[in-house]
Protein backbone atom coordinates (compact mmCIF):
# COMPACT_ATOMS: atom_id res chain seq x y z
CA MET A 1 -6.56 -11.39 35.23
CA PHE A 2 -3.82 -14.39 35.16
CA THR A 3 -1.14 -12.53 33.49
CA TYR A 4 -0.91 -9.79 36.17
CA GLU A 5 2.69 -9.33 37.35
CA SER A 6 3.47 -12.50 35.58
CA THR A 7 4.94 -11.18 32.65
CA GLN A 8 8.56 -10.03 31.79
CA PHE A 9 9.69 -7.42 29.33
CA ASN A 10 11.99 -8.30 26.62
CA ALA A 11 13.74 -5.71 25.30
CA ALA A 12 15.70 -7.57 22.48
CA GLY A 13 12.14 -8.92 21.29
CA PHE A 14 10.65 -5.16 21.47
CA ILE A 15 13.74 -3.98 19.43
CA LEU A 16 13.18 -6.72 16.68
CA VAL A 17 9.41 -6.02 16.44
CA LEU A 18 9.98 -2.22 16.02
CA LEU A 19 12.73 -3.10 13.24
CA ALA A 20 10.55 -5.26 11.40
CA SER A 21 8.07 -2.67 11.34
CA PHE A 22 10.43 -0.05 10.38
CA ILE A 23 11.75 -2.06 7.69
CA SER A 24 8.47 -3.12 6.05
CA GLY A 25 7.61 0.75 5.78
CA LEU A 26 10.93 1.21 4.03
CA ARG A 27 9.92 -1.49 1.64
CA TRP A 28 6.66 -0.31 0.86
CA THR A 29 8.28 3.41 0.33
CA LEU A 30 11.00 2.17 -1.63
CA ALA A 31 8.36 -0.17 -3.88
CA GLN A 32 6.21 3.18 -4.09
CA ILE A 33 9.15 5.29 -5.62
CA VAL A 34 10.46 2.79 -7.92
CA LEU A 35 6.95 2.06 -9.24
CA GLN A 36 5.78 5.46 -9.43
CA ARG A 37 8.79 6.90 -11.84
CA GLU A 38 7.61 9.17 -14.72
CA GLU A 39 10.12 7.26 -16.80
CA THR A 40 8.28 3.85 -16.51
CA GLY A 41 4.60 5.46 -17.23
CA THR A 42 3.33 4.03 -13.77
CA VAL A 43 2.20 7.72 -12.07
CA TYR A 44 -1.31 6.20 -11.94
CA VAL A 45 -2.22 4.03 -9.32
CA VAL A 46 -4.45 1.60 -11.64
CA VAL A 47 -1.42 1.35 -13.86
CA THR A 48 0.87 0.22 -11.34
CA VAL A 49 -1.56 -2.10 -9.94
CA ALA A 50 -2.28 -3.72 -13.31
CA MET A 51 1.54 -4.16 -14.24
CA MET A 52 1.82 -5.82 -10.70
CA VAL A 53 -0.65 -8.32 -11.09
CA ASP A 54 -0.22 -11.62 -12.74
CA ARG A 55 -1.41 -12.04 -15.98
CA THR A 56 -3.25 -14.96 -15.32
CA ALA A 57 -4.94 -13.53 -12.37
CA SER A 58 -5.99 -10.52 -14.33
CA GLU A 59 -7.77 -12.79 -17.10
CA ARG A 60 -9.78 -14.38 -14.07
CA VAL A 61 -10.90 -11.26 -12.61
CA HIS A 62 -11.56 -9.84 -16.58
CA ARG A 63 -13.78 -13.19 -17.00
CA VAL A 64 -15.73 -12.51 -13.52
CA LEU A 65 -16.24 -9.11 -14.79
CA GLU A 66 -17.40 -10.13 -18.13
CA LYS A 67 -20.02 -12.66 -16.62
CA SER A 68 -21.83 -10.01 -14.21
């Protein structure tokens, strides 16, 4: 192996990667909490996805499904 004993551990980079992963998980968790509130009526996953999809994209999918 060419990299055997020639790599160096970068603690700052390691911390940044861990922080980015944690923040990404937090973002998705908060998005799920906001989107699945009972007041908004988005308790079901299909309804949540339909609300998030752009109207033109959903129309394209509908056209493709009609053709098949």
